[in-house]
Amino acid sequence: MPFLFSYGTLQQEDVQLSIFGRTLTGRPDKLEQFEQSLVPTEDQDVIVKSGKTHHPIVKFTGRSGDRIDGTVFEITDAELAAADAYEVAAYKRIAVVLASGLRAWVYVDARYPPEG
């Protein structure tokens, strides 16, 4: 089963229930060499599910001191597809290695994905 790292609304129980039909159990981890900002969303379905008009987003910096705190969840392939459907076009899903050494998926700023 895949792992998914979340630093934003996918950590919210209400969002998890609306997307996955269950609450997820996760553990803290960190995404290194990324920085976080906010991006506005106009997708009304996402706003209703999250309760927010601006969502966290991360971009790769390559700087060793940059890190994002979040939660890593073990989910099913079907749940990963549901998460893909939830995320708006501003995000791109990529594979990363977290601070713990765990390989996971994460949604990053589609304009600034890591090279290579």
N, C-alpha and C. Protein backbone atom coordinates (compact mmCIF):
# COMPACT_ATOMS: atom_id res chain seq x y z
N MET A 1 0.84 -1.18 0.00
CA MET A 1 0.00 0.00 0.00
C MET A 1 0.88 1.24 0.00
N PRO A 2 0.46 2.28 -0.70
CA PRO A 2 1.28 3.50 -0.78
C PRO A 2 1.23 4.33 0.49
N PHE A 3 2.26 5.15 0.65
CA PHE A 3 2.30 6.14 1.73
C PHE A 3 2.06 7.51 1.12
N LEU A 4 1.36 8.36 1.85
CA LEU A 4 1.07 9.71 1.42
C LEU A 4 1.46 10.67 2.54
N PHE A 5 2.30 11.65 2.21
CA PHE A 5 2.70 12.67 3.18
C PHE A 5 1.80 13.88 2.99
N SER A 6 1.21 14.35 4.09
CA SER A 6 0.35 15.53 4.05
C SER A 6 0.88 16.59 5.00
N TYR A 7 0.88 17.81 4.51
CA TYR A 7 1.27 18.98 5.30
C TYR A 7 0.10 19.96 5.39
N GLY A 8 -1.06 19.58 4.84
CA GLY A 8 -2.18 20.51 4.75
C GLY A 8 -3.52 19.86 5.07
N THR A 9 -4.49 20.14 4.21
CA THR A 9 -5.88 19.79 4.51
C THR A 9 -6.15 18.28 4.56
N LEU A 10 -5.30 17.48 3.94
CA LEU A 10 -5.51 16.02 4.02
C LEU A 10 -5.26 15.48 5.43
N GLN A 11 -4.76 16.33 6.33
CA GLN A 11 -4.62 15.94 7.73
C GLN A 11 -5.91 16.16 8.52
N GLN A 12 -6.85 16.92 7.95
CA GLN A 12 -8.11 17.22 8.64
C GLN A 12 -9.05 16.02 8.59
N GLU A 13 -9.61 15.66 9.75
CA GLU A 13 -10.51 14.51 9.81
C GLU A 13 -11.73 14.70 8.92
N ASP A 14 -12.30 15.91 8.87
CA ASP A 14 -13.49 16.13 8.04
C ASP A 14 -13.18 15.96 6.56
N VAL A 15 -11.98 16.37 6.14
CA VAL A 15 -11.56 16.19 4.75
C VAL A 15 -11.35 14.70 4.47
N GLN A 16 -10.71 14.01 5.39
CA GLN A 16 -10.48 12.57 5.22
C GLN A 16 -11.81 11.82 5.08
N LEU A 17 -12.77 12.15 5.93
CA LEU A 17 -14.08 11.48 5.86
C LEU A 17 -14.76 11.74 4.53
N SER A 18 -14.68 12.97 4.03
CA SER A 18 -15.35 13.28 2.78
C SER A 18 -14.64 12.66 1.57
N ILE A 19 -13.34 12.49 1.62
CA ILE A 19 -12.60 11.93 0.48
C ILE A 19 -12.46 10.42 0.56
N PHE A 20 -12.12 9.91 1.74
CA PHE A 20 -11.80 8.49 1.89
C PHE A 20 -12.91 7.68 2.57
N GLY A 21 -13.85 8.37 3.20
CA GLY A 21 -14.91 7.67 3.92
C GLY A 21 -14.46 7.12 5.25
N ARG A 22 -13.29 7.55 5.71
CA ARG A 22 -12.76 7.11 7.00
C ARG A 22 -11.71 8.12 7.45
N THR A 23 -11.38 8.06 8.74
CA THR A 23 -10.26 8.86 9.21
C THR A 23 -9.00 8.01 9.13
N LEU A 24 -7.91 8.66 8.80
CA LEU A 24 -6.64 7.96 8.62
C LEU A 24 -5.82 8.02 9.90
N THR A 25 -5.01 7.01 10.10
CA THR A 25 -4.05 6.99 11.20
C THR A 25 -2.68 7.23 10.59
N GLY A 26 -1.98 8.24 11.09
CA GLY A 26 -0.67 8.56 10.53
C GLY A 26 0.34 8.79 11.62
N ARG A 27 1.52 9.15 11.19
CA ARG A 27 2.59 9.46 12.14
C ARG A 27 3.36 10.68 11.63
N PRO A 28 3.92 11.46 12.53
CA PRO A 28 4.65 12.67 12.13
C PRO A 28 5.88 12.32 11.30
N ASP A 29 6.19 13.19 10.36
CA ASP A 29 7.40 13.06 9.56
C ASP A 29 7.72 14.44 9.02
N LYS A 30 8.79 14.55 8.25
CA LYS A 30 9.21 15.83 7.69
C LYS A 30 9.59 15.66 6.22
N LEU A 31 9.28 16.69 5.45
CA LEU A 31 9.68 16.78 4.05
C LEU A 31 10.81 17.79 3.99
N GLU A 32 11.99 17.33 3.60
CA GLU A 32 13.16 18.19 3.61
C GLU A 32 13.41 18.82 2.24
N GLN A 33 14.04 19.99 2.27
CA GLN A 33 14.43 20.76 1.10
C GLN A 33 13.23 21.33 0.34
N PHE A 34 12.16 21.61 1.06
CA PHE A 34 10.97 22.25 0.52
C PHE A 34 10.58 23.41 1.43
N GLU A 35 9.90 24.43 0.86
CA GLU A 35 9.33 25.51 1.65
C GLU A 35 7.85 25.60 1.37
N GLN A 36 7.12 26.14 2.33
CA GLN A 36 5.66 26.18 2.25
C GLN A 36 5.14 27.60 2.10
N SER A 37 4.06 27.72 1.34
CA SER A 37 3.33 28.98 1.22
C SER A 37 1.84 28.63 1.11
N LEU A 38 1.02 29.61 0.76
CA LEU A 38 -0.41 29.38 0.58
C LEU A 38 -0.80 29.68 -0.86
N VAL A 39 -1.79 28.94 -1.36
CA VAL A 39 -2.32 29.16 -2.70
C VAL A 39 -3.84 29.27 -2.60
N PRO A 40 -4.43 30.26 -3.27
CA PRO A 40 -5.89 30.36 -3.25
C PRO A 40 -6.51 29.26 -4.11
N THR A 41 -7.68 28.80 -3.72
CA THR A 41 -8.41 27.85 -4.55
C THR A 41 -9.79 28.41 -4.82
N GLU A 42 -10.25 28.22 -6.04
CA GLU A 42 -11.59 28.66 -6.42
C GLU A 42 -12.52 27.47 -6.61
N ASP A 43 -12.00 26.25 -6.44
CA ASP A 43 -12.81 25.04 -6.58
C ASP A 43 -13.76 24.94 -5.40
N GLN A 44 -15.05 25.15 -5.66
CA GLN A 44 -16.04 25.19 -4.58
C GLN A 44 -16.14 23.87 -3.83
N ASP A 45 -15.98 22.75 -4.51
CA ASP A 45 -16.02 21.44 -3.84
C ASP A 45 -14.88 21.32 -2.83
N VAL A 46 -13.70 21.75 -3.21
CA VAL A 46 -12.54 21.70 -2.30
C VAL A 46 -12.75 22.66 -1.14
N ILE A 47 -13.29 23.84 -1.40
CA ILE A 47 -13.55 24.81 -0.34
C ILE A 47 -14.56 24.25 0.66
N VAL A 48 -15.61 23.62 0.15
CA VAL A 48 -16.63 23.04 1.04
C VAL A 48 -16.02 21.92 1.88
N LYS A 49 -15.21 21.04 1.28
CA LYS A 49 -14.62 19.92 2.01
C LYS A 49 -13.61 20.38 3.05
N SER A 50 -12.81 21.39 2.72
CA SER A 50 -11.74 21.82 3.62
C SER A 50 -12.13 22.96 4.54
N GLY A 51 -13.13 23.74 4.12
CA GLY A 51 -13.50 24.92 4.88
C GLY A 51 -12.53 26.07 4.71
N LYS A 52 -11.68 26.00 3.68
CA LYS A 52 -10.64 27.02 3.48
C LYS A 52 -10.58 27.47 2.03
N THR A 53 -10.33 28.77 1.84
CA THR A 53 -10.17 29.32 0.50
C THR A 53 -8.70 29.37 0.07
N HIS A 54 -7.78 29.22 1.02
CA HIS A 54 -6.35 29.18 0.74
C HIS A 54 -5.77 27.91 1.37
N HIS A 55 -4.98 27.20 0.58
CA HIS A 55 -4.41 25.93 1.04
C HIS A 55 -2.89 26.00 1.04
N PRO A 56 -2.27 25.27 1.97
CA PRO A 56 -0.81 25.19 1.96
C PRO A 56 -0.33 24.51 0.67
N ILE A 57 0.82 24.93 0.19
CA ILE A 57 1.46 24.32 -0.97
C ILE A 57 2.96 24.38 -0.74
N VAL A 58 3.70 23.44 -1.27
CA VAL A 58 5.15 23.43 -1.07
C VAL A 58 5.86 23.42 -2.41
N LYS A 59 7.06 24.00 -2.39
CA LYS A 59 7.91 23.94 -3.57
C LYS A 59 9.32 23.55 -3.15
N PHE A 60 10.00 22.87 -4.04
CA PHE A 60 11.35 22.40 -3.81
C PHE A 60 12.31 23.58 -3.82
N THR A 61 13.22 23.61 -2.82
CA THR A 61 14.25 24.65 -2.76
C THR A 61 15.65 24.06 -2.91
N GLY A 62 15.82 22.80 -2.50
CA GLY A 62 17.14 22.19 -2.50
C GLY A 62 17.99 22.60 -1.32
N ARG A 63 17.47 23.47 -0.47
CA ARG A 63 18.24 23.94 0.70
C ARG A 63 18.07 22.96 1.85
N SER A 64 19.19 22.51 2.41
CA SER A 64 19.14 21.49 3.47
C SER A 64 18.43 21.96 4.73
N GLY A 65 18.38 23.25 5.00
CA GLY A 65 17.73 23.75 6.20
C GLY A 65 16.22 23.87 6.09
N ASP A 66 15.69 23.77 4.87
CA ASP A 66 14.24 23.89 4.68
C ASP A 66 13.57 22.56 4.96
N ARG A 67 12.49 22.60 5.76
CA ARG A 67 11.74 21.37 6.02
C ARG A 67 10.31 21.71 6.38
N ILE A 68 9.43 20.78 6.05
CA ILE A 68 7.99 20.93 6.29
C ILE A 68 7.55 19.81 7.22
N ASP A 69 6.91 20.18 8.32
CA ASP A 69 6.32 19.19 9.22
C ASP A 69 5.00 18.72 8.64
N GLY A 70 4.71 17.44 8.84
CA GLY A 70 3.44 16.90 8.37
C GLY A 70 3.19 15.52 8.94
N THR A 71 2.31 14.81 8.27
CA THR A 71 1.91 13.47 8.69
C THR A 71 1.97 12.53 7.50
N VAL A 72 2.48 11.35 7.73
CA VAL A 72 2.50 10.33 6.67
C VAL A 72 1.44 9.28 6.99
N PHE A 73 0.67 8.96 5.96
CA PHE A 73 -0.43 7.99 6.08
C PHE A 73 -0.20 6.82 5.13
N GLU A 74 -0.55 5.64 5.57
CA GLU A 74 -0.59 4.48 4.68
C GLU A 74 -2.01 4.38 4.16
N ILE A 75 -2.17 4.42 2.85
CA ILE A 75 -3.49 4.42 2.24
C ILE A 75 -3.55 3.36 1.14
N THR A 76 -4.73 3.14 0.61
CA THR A 76 -4.90 2.18 -0.48
C THR A 76 -4.68 2.89 -1.82
N ASP A 77 -4.53 2.11 -2.88
CA ASP A 77 -4.42 2.68 -4.22
C ASP A 77 -5.69 3.46 -4.57
N ALA A 78 -6.85 2.95 -4.18
CA ALA A 78 -8.11 3.64 -4.45
C ALA A 78 -8.17 4.98 -3.70
N GLU A 79 -7.65 5.01 -2.47
CA GLU A 79 -7.62 6.26 -1.71
C GLU A 79 -6.64 7.26 -2.33
N LEU A 80 -5.54 6.77 -2.87
CA LEU A 80 -4.60 7.66 -3.56
C LEU A 80 -5.27 8.28 -4.78
N ALA A 81 -6.04 7.49 -5.51
CA ALA A 81 -6.78 8.02 -6.66
C ALA A 81 -7.81 9.06 -6.20
N ALA A 82 -8.44 8.84 -5.07
CA ALA A 82 -9.41 9.80 -4.52
C ALA A 82 -8.70 11.09 -4.12
N ALA A 83 -7.51 10.98 -3.56
CA ALA A 83 -6.73 12.17 -3.20
C ALA A 83 -6.34 12.94 -4.46
N ASP A 84 -5.98 12.22 -5.52
CA ASP A 84 -5.67 12.87 -6.80
C ASP A 84 -6.86 13.68 -7.30
N ALA A 85 -8.05 13.12 -7.17
CA ALA A 85 -9.27 13.80 -7.63
C ALA A 85 -9.57 15.04 -6.79
N TYR A 86 -9.21 15.01 -5.51
CA TYR A 86 -9.44 16.13 -4.60
C TYR A 86 -8.52 17.30 -4.90
N GLU A 87 -7.26 17.01 -5.20
CA GLU A 87 -6.27 18.08 -5.40
C GLU A 87 -6.54 18.83 -6.70
N VAL A 88 -6.41 20.15 -6.64
CA VAL A 88 -6.65 20.99 -7.81
C VAL A 88 -5.40 21.04 -8.69
N ALA A 89 -5.52 21.67 -9.85
CA ALA A 89 -4.45 21.68 -10.85
C ALA A 89 -3.16 22.35 -10.36
N ALA A 90 -3.23 23.13 -9.29
CA ALA A 90 -2.03 23.79 -8.76
C ALA A 90 -1.03 22.78 -8.20
N TYR A 91 -1.49 21.56 -7.92
CA TYR A 91 -0.66 20.54 -7.28
C TYR A 91 -0.27 19.43 -8.25
N LYS A 92 0.92 18.89 -8.04
CA LYS A 92 1.40 17.73 -8.78
C LYS A 92 1.88 16.70 -7.76
N ARG A 93 1.49 15.45 -7.94
CA ARG A 93 1.93 14.39 -7.02
C ARG A 93 3.28 13.86 -7.47
N ILE A 94 4.24 13.82 -6.53
CA ILE A 94 5.57 13.28 -6.82
C ILE A 94 5.98 12.32 -5.70
N ALA A 95 6.94 11.47 -5.99
CA ALA A 95 7.51 10.56 -4.99
C ALA A 95 8.70 11.26 -4.33
N VAL A 96 8.78 11.14 -3.01
CA VAL A 96 9.87 11.73 -2.24
C VAL A 96 10.34 10.73 -1.19
N VAL A 97 11.51 11.00 -0.63
CA VAL A 97 11.99 10.28 0.54
C VAL A 97 11.92 11.26 1.70
N LEU A 98 11.18 10.88 2.73
CA LEU A 98 10.97 11.74 3.89
C LEU A 98 12.17 11.68 4.84
N ALA A 99 12.19 12.54 5.83
CA ALA A 99 13.29 12.58 6.80
C ALA A 99 13.48 11.23 7.48
N SER A 100 12.39 10.49 7.66
CA SER A 100 12.46 9.17 8.30
C SER A 100 13.09 8.11 7.41
N GLY A 101 13.25 8.43 6.11
CA GLY A 101 13.74 7.45 5.14
C GLY A 101 12.63 6.75 4.40
N LEU A 102 11.39 7.01 4.77
CA LEU A 102 10.23 6.39 4.13
C LEU A 102 9.97 7.05 2.79
N ARG A 103 9.70 6.23 1.77
CA ARG A 103 9.34 6.74 0.44
C ARG A 103 7.83 6.95 0.41
N ALA A 104 7.40 8.15 0.01
CA ALA A 104 5.98 8.49 0.04
C ALA A 104 5.65 9.41 -1.12
N TRP A 105 4.35 9.51 -1.40
CA TRP A 105 3.83 10.48 -2.35
C TRP A 105 3.57 11.78 -1.61
N VAL A 106 3.70 12.90 -2.31
CA VAL A 106 3.36 14.21 -1.76
C VAL A 106 2.89 15.10 -2.91
N TYR A 107 1.98 16.02 -2.60
CA TYR A 107 1.51 16.98 -3.59
C TYR A 107 2.31 18.27 -3.43
N VAL A 108 2.95 18.69 -4.53
CA VAL A 108 3.79 19.88 -4.52
C VAL A 108 3.26 20.89 -5.54
N ASP A 109 3.80 22.09 -5.49
CA ASP A 109 3.44 23.13 -6.44
C ASP A 109 3.79 22.65 -7.85
N ALA A 110 2.78 22.54 -8.71
CA ALA A 110 2.98 22.03 -10.07
C ALA A 110 3.91 22.92 -10.90
N ARG A 111 4.05 24.17 -10.48
CA ARG A 111 4.93 25.09 -11.23
C ARG A 111 6.40 24.88 -10.91
N TYR A 112 6.69 24.27 -9.75
CA TYR A 112 8.08 24.16 -9.29
C TYR A 112 8.43 22.75 -8.82
N PRO A 113 8.20 21.72 -9.62
CA PRO A 113 8.58 20.37 -9.15
C PRO A 113 10.12 20.24 -9.15
N PRO A 114 10.63 19.35 -8.32
CA PRO A 114 12.09 19.12 -8.36
C PRO A 114 12.50 18.59 -9.73
N GLU A 115 13.68 18.97 -10.15
CA GLU A 115 14.19 18.45 -11.43
C GLU A 115 14.76 17.07 -11.23
N GLY A 116 14.67 16.27 -12.29
CA GLY A 116 15.29 14.95 -12.26
C GLY A 116 14.38 13.96 -11.76
